[in-house]
Amino acid sequence: MCISGCSFFSDSDHRTVSFPGVYKIDIQQGNIITQDMVNQLRPGMTKQQVRFILGSPLLIDSFNQERWDYVYSFQPGGEARSQETLSIFFKDDILSHFSGDFRPDPKAIMEEAGMPIPEEASTDVSNDSDLLEEDAPTEDF
């Protein structure tokens, strides 16, 4: 029995062992960012205002203080991990743009500003925001 047990766990097999009845916990790490939070961001906000809305960033680049990174990962027990990121960029301590997995919702922005929302308002926000700059220069870590 012991010999067969050792061969079952050998490295040559590369199998994942799953014990029945063992509970695997959900693992959450980082900053939870919601669409409502992203919709509150506006160009010209100070770092303090952004920190009030989003919380403290998970990563601040020590070589570039003008970039903050918010990362959230979630792994349900025993399943694949998902990850969301949001990078905030400042120019002279003022919010200039952001990039990542979130896009500003133009309908929410128009509602907040008290503007009428057209019936055929598109949900495609690729060209609807001054805040989101796809071609903005980004520095890698």
N, C-alpha and C. Protein backbone atom coordinates (compact mmCIF):
# COMPACT_ATOMS: atom_id res chain seq x y z
N MET A 1 0.82 -1.19 0.00
CA MET A 1 0.00 0.00 0.00
C MET A 1 0.86 1.25 0.00
N CYS A 2 1.92 1.22 0.78
CA CYS A 2 2.77 2.40 0.87
C CYS A 2 3.50 2.65 -0.46
N ILE A 3 3.89 1.61 -1.13
CA ILE A 3 4.59 1.77 -2.40
C ILE A 3 3.66 2.36 -3.44
N SER A 4 2.44 1.89 -3.51
CA SER A 4 1.49 2.43 -4.48
C SER A 4 1.15 3.88 -4.15
N GLY A 5 1.11 4.21 -2.88
CA GLY A 5 0.85 5.58 -2.47
C GLY A 5 1.95 6.52 -2.90
N CYS A 6 3.19 6.08 -2.81
CA CYS A 6 4.32 6.91 -3.23
C CYS A 6 4.31 7.10 -4.74
N SER A 7 3.97 6.06 -5.48
CA SER A 7 3.95 6.21 -6.92
C SER A 7 2.79 7.10 -7.36
N PHE A 8 1.72 7.15 -6.59
CA PHE A 8 0.60 8.01 -6.92
C PHE A 8 0.99 9.49 -6.85
N PHE A 9 1.85 9.84 -5.91
CA PHE A 9 2.27 11.22 -5.72
C PHE A 9 3.57 11.56 -6.42
N SER A 10 4.05 10.71 -7.29
CA SER A 10 5.33 10.96 -7.94
C SER A 10 5.25 12.18 -8.86
N ASP A 11 6.39 12.83 -9.08
CA ASP A 11 6.45 14.01 -9.92
C ASP A 11 6.24 13.69 -11.39
N SER A 12 6.49 12.44 -11.80
CA SER A 12 6.35 12.09 -13.20
C SER A 12 4.88 12.09 -13.63
N ASP A 13 3.96 11.97 -12.68
CA ASP A 13 2.54 11.94 -12.99
C ASP A 13 1.99 13.32 -13.33
N HIS A 14 2.39 14.35 -12.61
CA HIS A 14 1.92 15.73 -12.75
C HIS A 14 0.40 15.82 -12.62
N ARG A 15 -0.17 15.04 -11.76
CA ARG A 15 -1.61 15.09 -11.51
C ARG A 15 -1.88 15.94 -10.27
N THR A 16 -3.02 16.59 -10.30
CA THR A 16 -3.44 17.34 -9.13
C THR A 16 -4.25 16.42 -8.23
N VAL A 17 -3.89 16.40 -6.98
CA VAL A 17 -4.57 15.54 -6.03
C VAL A 17 -5.68 16.34 -5.37
N SER A 18 -6.87 15.80 -5.37
CA SER A 18 -8.01 16.44 -4.74
C SER A 18 -8.60 15.49 -3.72
N PHE A 19 -8.64 15.94 -2.49
CA PHE A 19 -9.19 15.12 -1.43
C PHE A 19 -10.68 15.41 -1.29
N PRO A 20 -11.52 14.39 -1.33
CA PRO A 20 -12.96 14.63 -1.22
C PRO A 20 -13.33 15.18 0.15
N GLY A 21 -14.25 16.11 0.12
CA GLY A 21 -14.75 16.67 1.37
C GLY A 21 -13.87 17.76 1.97
N VAL A 22 -12.78 18.14 1.31
CA VAL A 22 -11.91 19.20 1.81
C VAL A 22 -12.41 20.54 1.28
N TYR A 23 -12.68 21.46 2.17
CA TYR A 23 -13.17 22.78 1.80
C TYR A 23 -12.00 23.65 1.35
N LYS A 24 -12.16 24.28 0.20
CA LYS A 24 -11.15 25.22 -0.29
C LYS A 24 -11.73 26.62 -0.20
N ILE A 25 -11.00 27.50 0.46
CA ILE A 25 -11.50 28.85 0.72
C ILE A 25 -11.39 29.73 -0.53
N ASP A 26 -12.24 30.76 -0.58
CA ASP A 26 -12.14 31.79 -1.60
C ASP A 26 -11.00 32.72 -1.21
N ILE A 27 -10.19 33.11 -2.18
CA ILE A 27 -9.05 33.98 -1.90
C ILE A 27 -9.26 35.31 -2.63
N GLN A 28 -9.37 36.39 -1.86
CA GLN A 28 -9.50 37.74 -2.41
C GLN A 28 -8.25 38.52 -2.03
N GLN A 29 -7.69 39.23 -3.00
CA GLN A 29 -6.50 40.04 -2.72
C GLN A 29 -6.61 41.36 -3.46
N GLY A 30 -6.13 42.42 -2.84
CA GLY A 30 -6.03 43.72 -3.50
C GLY A 30 -7.19 44.64 -3.18
N ASN A 31 -7.38 45.61 -4.08
CA ASN A 31 -8.39 46.65 -3.93
C ASN A 31 -9.64 46.28 -4.72
N ILE A 32 -10.77 46.24 -4.07
CA ILE A 32 -12.02 46.03 -4.79
C ILE A 32 -12.40 47.35 -5.44
N ILE A 33 -12.53 47.33 -6.77
CA ILE A 33 -12.90 48.52 -7.53
C ILE A 33 -14.23 48.22 -8.21
N THR A 34 -15.19 49.13 -8.07
CA THR A 34 -16.50 48.95 -8.69
C THR A 34 -16.68 49.96 -9.82
N GLN A 35 -17.65 49.70 -10.67
CA GLN A 35 -17.95 50.62 -11.77
C GLN A 35 -18.39 51.97 -11.23
N ASP A 36 -19.12 51.99 -10.11
CA ASP A 36 -19.54 53.26 -9.50
C ASP A 36 -18.34 54.12 -9.11
N MET A 37 -17.31 53.48 -8.59
CA MET A 37 -16.09 54.22 -8.22
C MET A 37 -15.44 54.84 -9.45
N VAL A 38 -15.34 54.06 -10.51
CA VAL A 38 -14.70 54.54 -11.74
C VAL A 38 -15.51 55.68 -12.34
N ASN A 39 -16.83 55.62 -12.27
CA ASN A 39 -17.68 56.68 -12.82
C ASN A 39 -17.50 58.00 -12.09
N GLN A 40 -16.99 57.99 -10.87
CA GLN A 40 -16.78 59.22 -10.11
C GLN A 40 -15.47 59.93 -10.47
N LEU A 41 -14.57 59.25 -11.16
CA LEU A 41 -13.29 59.86 -11.51
C LEU A 41 -13.46 60.92 -12.58
N ARG A 42 -12.80 62.05 -12.40
CA ARG A 42 -12.85 63.16 -13.35
C ARG A 42 -11.45 63.70 -13.59
N PRO A 43 -11.16 64.15 -14.80
CA PRO A 43 -9.87 64.80 -15.04
C PRO A 43 -9.75 66.03 -14.14
N GLY A 44 -8.56 66.26 -13.64
CA GLY A 44 -8.34 67.42 -12.79
C GLY A 44 -8.46 67.14 -11.30
N MET A 45 -8.83 65.92 -10.92
CA MET A 45 -8.91 65.58 -9.50
C MET A 45 -7.51 65.49 -8.91
N THR A 46 -7.40 65.82 -7.64
CA THR A 46 -6.12 65.71 -6.95
C THR A 46 -5.91 64.26 -6.50
N LYS A 47 -4.71 63.96 -6.08
CA LYS A 47 -4.41 62.62 -5.57
C LYS A 47 -5.25 62.29 -4.35
N GLN A 48 -5.49 63.29 -3.51
CA GLN A 48 -6.30 63.07 -2.31
C GLN A 48 -7.74 62.71 -2.68
N GLN A 49 -8.29 63.36 -3.69
CA GLN A 49 -9.65 63.07 -4.13
C GLN A 49 -9.75 61.66 -4.71
N VAL A 50 -8.76 61.28 -5.50
CA VAL A 50 -8.75 59.93 -6.08
C VAL A 50 -8.61 58.89 -4.97
N ARG A 51 -7.75 59.15 -4.01
CA ARG A 51 -7.58 58.22 -2.88
C ARG A 51 -8.87 58.11 -2.07
N PHE A 52 -9.64 59.19 -1.94
CA PHE A 52 -10.91 59.15 -1.22
C PHE A 52 -11.90 58.24 -1.94
N ILE A 53 -11.93 58.28 -3.27
CA ILE A 53 -12.88 57.48 -4.06
C ILE A 53 -12.45 56.02 -4.14
N LEU A 54 -11.18 55.77 -4.46
CA LEU A 54 -10.70 54.41 -4.74
C LEU A 54 -10.00 53.74 -3.57
N GLY A 55 -9.60 54.51 -2.58
CA GLY A 55 -8.81 53.95 -1.49
C GLY A 55 -7.33 54.02 -1.83
N SER A 56 -6.51 53.53 -0.95
CA SER A 56 -5.06 53.54 -1.17
C SER A 56 -4.70 52.55 -2.27
N PRO A 57 -3.83 52.94 -3.16
CA PRO A 57 -3.45 52.02 -4.25
C PRO A 57 -2.65 50.84 -3.72
N LEU A 58 -2.77 49.72 -4.41
CA LEU A 58 -2.00 48.55 -4.05
C LEU A 58 -0.53 48.76 -4.39
N LEU A 59 -0.28 49.40 -5.52
CA LEU A 59 1.10 49.64 -5.96
C LEU A 59 1.29 51.11 -6.32
N ILE A 60 2.36 51.68 -5.80
CA ILE A 60 2.80 53.00 -6.24
C ILE A 60 4.22 52.81 -6.74
N ASP A 61 4.43 53.12 -7.99
CA ASP A 61 5.75 52.95 -8.61
C ASP A 61 6.74 53.89 -7.93
N SER A 62 7.78 53.33 -7.36
CA SER A 62 8.76 54.16 -6.63
C SER A 62 9.57 55.04 -7.57
N PHE A 63 9.62 54.70 -8.85
CA PHE A 63 10.35 55.51 -9.82
C PHE A 63 9.46 56.51 -10.53
N ASN A 64 8.15 56.33 -10.43
CA ASN A 64 7.21 57.23 -11.07
C ASN A 64 6.04 57.46 -10.12
N GLN A 65 6.10 58.52 -9.33
CA GLN A 65 5.06 58.82 -8.35
C GLN A 65 3.75 59.28 -9.00
N GLU A 66 3.78 59.44 -10.32
CA GLU A 66 2.60 59.91 -11.04
C GLU A 66 1.73 58.76 -11.54
N ARG A 67 2.01 57.53 -11.10
CA ARG A 67 1.22 56.36 -11.51
C ARG A 67 0.85 55.54 -10.28
N TRP A 68 -0.44 55.23 -10.17
CA TRP A 68 -0.94 54.35 -9.12
C TRP A 68 -1.59 53.15 -9.78
N ASP A 69 -1.40 51.98 -9.20
CA ASP A 69 -2.00 50.77 -9.73
C ASP A 69 -2.89 50.12 -8.68
N TYR A 70 -4.10 49.82 -9.09
CA TYR A 70 -5.06 49.10 -8.27
C TYR A 70 -5.26 47.73 -8.91
N VAL A 71 -5.04 46.68 -8.14
CA VAL A 71 -5.16 45.32 -8.64
C VAL A 71 -6.06 44.54 -7.69
N TYR A 72 -6.98 43.78 -8.26
CA TYR A 72 -7.86 42.93 -7.46
C TYR A 72 -7.88 41.55 -8.09
N SER A 73 -7.63 40.54 -7.30
CA SER A 73 -7.74 39.17 -7.81
C SER A 73 -8.65 38.38 -6.89
N PHE A 74 -9.37 37.45 -7.51
CA PHE A 74 -10.32 36.61 -6.78
C PHE A 74 -10.21 35.20 -7.31
N GLN A 75 -10.04 34.27 -6.39
CA GLN A 75 -9.99 32.87 -6.76
C GLN A 75 -10.99 32.11 -5.89
N PRO A 76 -12.14 31.76 -6.51
CA PRO A 76 -13.09 30.92 -5.76
C PRO A 76 -12.44 29.59 -5.43
N GLY A 77 -12.75 29.02 -4.29
CA GLY A 77 -12.13 27.78 -3.84
C GLY A 77 -11.98 26.73 -4.91
N GLY A 78 -10.74 26.45 -5.26
CA GLY A 78 -10.43 25.40 -6.21
C GLY A 78 -10.69 25.73 -7.67
N GLU A 79 -11.05 26.96 -8.00
CA GLU A 79 -11.33 27.33 -9.39
C GLU A 79 -10.26 28.28 -9.91
N ALA A 80 -10.44 28.72 -11.14
CA ALA A 80 -9.46 29.61 -11.78
C ALA A 80 -9.52 31.00 -11.16
N ARG A 81 -8.37 31.67 -11.11
CA ARG A 81 -8.26 33.01 -10.55
C ARG A 81 -8.61 34.04 -11.61
N SER A 82 -9.36 35.06 -11.23
CA SER A 82 -9.65 36.19 -12.12
C SER A 82 -8.98 37.43 -11.54
N GLN A 83 -8.62 38.36 -12.41
CA GLN A 83 -7.91 39.56 -11.96
C GLN A 83 -8.40 40.78 -12.72
N GLU A 84 -8.56 41.90 -12.01
CA GLU A 84 -8.92 43.18 -12.59
C GLU A 84 -7.86 44.20 -12.21
N THR A 85 -7.53 45.07 -13.15
CA THR A 85 -6.53 46.09 -12.87
C THR A 85 -7.04 47.47 -13.29
N LEU A 86 -6.53 48.47 -12.63
CA LEU A 86 -6.82 49.86 -12.97
C LEU A 86 -5.56 50.66 -12.67
N SER A 87 -5.02 51.32 -13.69
CA SER A 87 -3.84 52.16 -13.52
C SER A 87 -4.26 53.62 -13.65
N ILE A 88 -3.90 54.40 -12.67
CA ILE A 88 -4.26 55.82 -12.61
C ILE A 88 -2.99 56.63 -12.89
N PHE A 89 -3.10 57.62 -13.79
CA PHE A 89 -1.96 58.45 -14.16
C PHE A 89 -2.24 59.90 -13.81
N PHE A 90 -1.23 60.53 -13.21
CA PHE A 90 -1.32 61.93 -12.83
C PHE A 90 -0.29 62.73 -13.59
N LYS A 91 -0.55 64.01 -13.74
CA LYS A 91 0.43 64.95 -14.27
C LYS A 91 0.45 66.11 -13.30
N ASP A 92 1.58 66.33 -12.66
CA ASP A 92 1.73 67.37 -11.64
C ASP A 92 0.70 67.19 -10.52
N ASP A 93 0.53 65.95 -10.07
CA ASP A 93 -0.38 65.57 -8.98
C ASP A 93 -1.86 65.78 -9.30
N ILE A 94 -2.21 65.89 -10.58
CA ILE A 94 -3.59 66.05 -11.02
C ILE A 94 -3.92 64.87 -11.95
N LEU A 95 -5.09 64.25 -11.74
CA LEU A 95 -5.51 63.11 -12.54
C LEU A 95 -5.57 63.48 -14.02
N SER A 96 -4.83 62.73 -14.85
CA SER A 96 -4.86 63.00 -16.29
C SER A 96 -5.64 61.93 -17.04
N HIS A 97 -5.41 60.65 -16.72
CA HIS A 97 -6.13 59.57 -17.39
C HIS A 97 -5.96 58.28 -16.62
N PHE A 98 -6.67 57.25 -17.04
CA PHE A 98 -6.49 55.93 -16.47
C PHE A 98 -6.66 54.87 -17.54
N SER A 99 -6.19 53.68 -17.24
CA SER A 99 -6.33 52.55 -18.15
C SER A 99 -6.53 51.29 -17.34
N GLY A 100 -7.03 50.26 -17.98
CA GLY A 100 -7.24 48.99 -17.29
C GLY A 100 -8.52 48.32 -17.72
N ASP A 101 -9.07 47.54 -16.81
CA ASP A 101 -10.24 46.72 -17.11
C ASP A 101 -11.57 47.47 -16.98
N PHE A 102 -11.55 48.71 -16.55
CA PHE A 102 -12.78 49.48 -16.35
C PHE A 102 -12.83 50.63 -17.33
N ARG A 103 -14.05 50.99 -17.74
CA ARG A 103 -14.29 52.13 -18.63
C ARG A 103 -15.37 53.00 -17.97
N PRO A 104 -15.28 54.31 -18.11
CA PRO A 104 -16.33 55.17 -17.55
C PRO A 104 -17.64 54.93 -18.29
N ASP A 105 -18.75 54.94 -17.58
CA ASP A 105 -20.07 54.76 -18.16
C ASP A 105 -20.63 56.12 -18.53
N PRO A 106 -20.78 56.41 -19.84
CA PRO A 106 -21.24 57.75 -20.23
C PRO A 106 -22.64 58.08 -19.73
N LYS A 107 -23.52 57.08 -19.61
CA LYS A 107 -24.88 57.33 -19.12
C LYS A 107 -24.84 57.83 -17.68
N ALA A 108 -24.03 57.19 -16.84
CA ALA A 108 -23.94 57.60 -15.44
C ALA A 108 -23.36 59.01 -15.32
N ILE A 109 -22.38 59.32 -16.16
CA ILE A 109 -21.77 60.65 -16.12
C ILE A 109 -22.79 61.71 -16.54
N MET A 110 -23.57 61.40 -17.59
CA MET A 110 -24.58 62.35 -18.05
C MET A 110 -25.68 62.54 -17.01
N GLU A 111 -26.09 61.45 -16.35
CA GLU A 111 -27.11 61.56 -15.30
C GLU A 111 -26.62 62.43 -14.15
N GLU A 112 -25.36 62.22 -13.75
CA GLU A 112 -24.80 63.00 -12.64
C GLU A 112 -24.72 64.47 -12.99
N ALA A 113 -24.44 64.78 -14.26
CA ALA A 113 -24.33 66.17 -14.69
C ALA A 113 -25.69 66.80 -14.97
N GLY A 114 -26.77 65.99 -14.90
CA GLY A 114 -28.10 66.52 -15.14
C GLY A 114 -28.40 66.70 -16.61
N MET A 115 -27.67 66.02 -17.46
CA MET A 115 -27.88 66.13 -18.90
C MET A 115 -28.90 65.10 -19.35
N PRO A 116 -29.69 65.43 -20.37
CA PRO A 116 -30.65 64.43 -20.88
C PRO A 116 -29.90 63.30 -21.59
N ILE A 117 -30.41 62.09 -21.41
CA ILE A 117 -29.78 60.93 -22.03
C ILE A 117 -30.56 60.57 -23.28
N PRO A 118 -29.90 60.56 -24.44
CA PRO A 118 -30.61 60.21 -25.67
C PRO A 118 -31.10 58.76 -25.61
N GLU A 119 -32.21 58.49 -26.29
CA GLU A 119 -32.79 57.14 -26.31
C GLU A 119 -31.81 56.12 -26.85
N GLU A 120 -31.12 56.46 -27.93
CA GLU A 120 -30.22 55.51 -28.58
C GLU A 120 -28.79 55.63 -28.06
N ALA A 121 -28.63 56.00 -26.79
CA ALA A 121 -27.29 56.14 -26.21
C ALA A 121 -26.56 54.82 -26.30
N SER A 122 -25.40 54.88 -26.86
CA SER A 122 -24.59 53.68 -27.08
C SER A 122 -23.91 53.26 -25.79
N THR A 123 -23.75 51.96 -25.63
CA THR A 123 -22.99 51.46 -24.49
C THR A 123 -21.52 51.31 -24.84
N ASP A 124 -21.16 51.57 -26.10
CA ASP A 124 -19.76 51.51 -26.50
C ASP A 124 -19.10 52.81 -26.06
N VAL A 125 -18.16 52.73 -25.14
CA VAL A 125 -17.54 53.93 -24.58
C VAL A 125 -16.12 54.12 -25.10
N SER A 126 -15.77 53.46 -26.17
CA SER A 126 -14.38 53.52 -26.63
C SER A 126 -13.97 54.94 -27.03
N ASN A 127 -14.91 55.78 -27.50
CA ASN A 127 -14.55 57.13 -27.91
C ASN A 127 -15.31 58.19 -27.11
N ASP A 128 -15.94 57.81 -26.01
CA ASP A 128 -16.82 58.72 -25.29
C ASP A 128 -16.17 59.45 -24.12
N SER A 129 -14.91 59.20 -23.81
CA SER A 129 -14.38 59.76 -22.58
C SER A 129 -13.09 60.53 -22.82
N ASP A 130 -13.02 61.71 -22.21
CA ASP A 130 -11.76 62.45 -22.22
C ASP A 130 -10.77 61.84 -21.24
N LEU A 131 -11.29 61.15 -20.25
CA LEU A 131 -10.46 60.61 -19.18
C LEU A 131 -9.70 59.37 -19.60
N LEU A 132 -10.28 58.58 -20.47
CA LEU A 132 -9.67 57.32 -20.88
C LEU A 132 -8.87 57.56 -22.14
N GLU A 133 -7.59 57.33 -22.08
CA GLU A 133 -6.73 57.53 -23.23
C GLU A 133 -6.03 56.23 -23.54
N GLU A 134 -6.49 55.54 -24.58
CA GLU A 134 -5.90 54.26 -24.96
C GLU A 134 -4.46 54.44 -25.43
N ASP A 135 -4.17 55.54 -26.13
CA ASP A 135 -2.85 55.74 -26.71
C ASP A 135 -1.92 56.54 -25.81
N ALA A 136 -2.32 56.74 -24.56
CA ALA A 136 -1.50 57.50 -23.64
C ALA A 136 -0.24 56.72 -23.32
N PRO A 137 0.88 57.41 -23.20
CA PRO A 137 2.12 56.70 -22.88
C PRO A 137 2.04 56.07 -21.49
N THR A 138 2.45 54.84 -21.41
CA THR A 138 2.47 54.16 -20.10
C THR A 138 3.86 53.60 -19.87
N GLU A 139 4.27 53.64 -18.63
CA GLU A 139 5.57 53.11 -18.25
C GLU A 139 5.35 51.74 -17.66
N ASP A 140 6.20 50.81 -18.03
CA ASP A 140 6.14 49.47 -17.44
C ASP A 140 7.02 49.44 -16.22
N PHE A 141 6.74 48.49 -15.35
CA PHE A 141 7.51 48.36 -14.12
C PHE A 141 8.89 47.88 -14.43
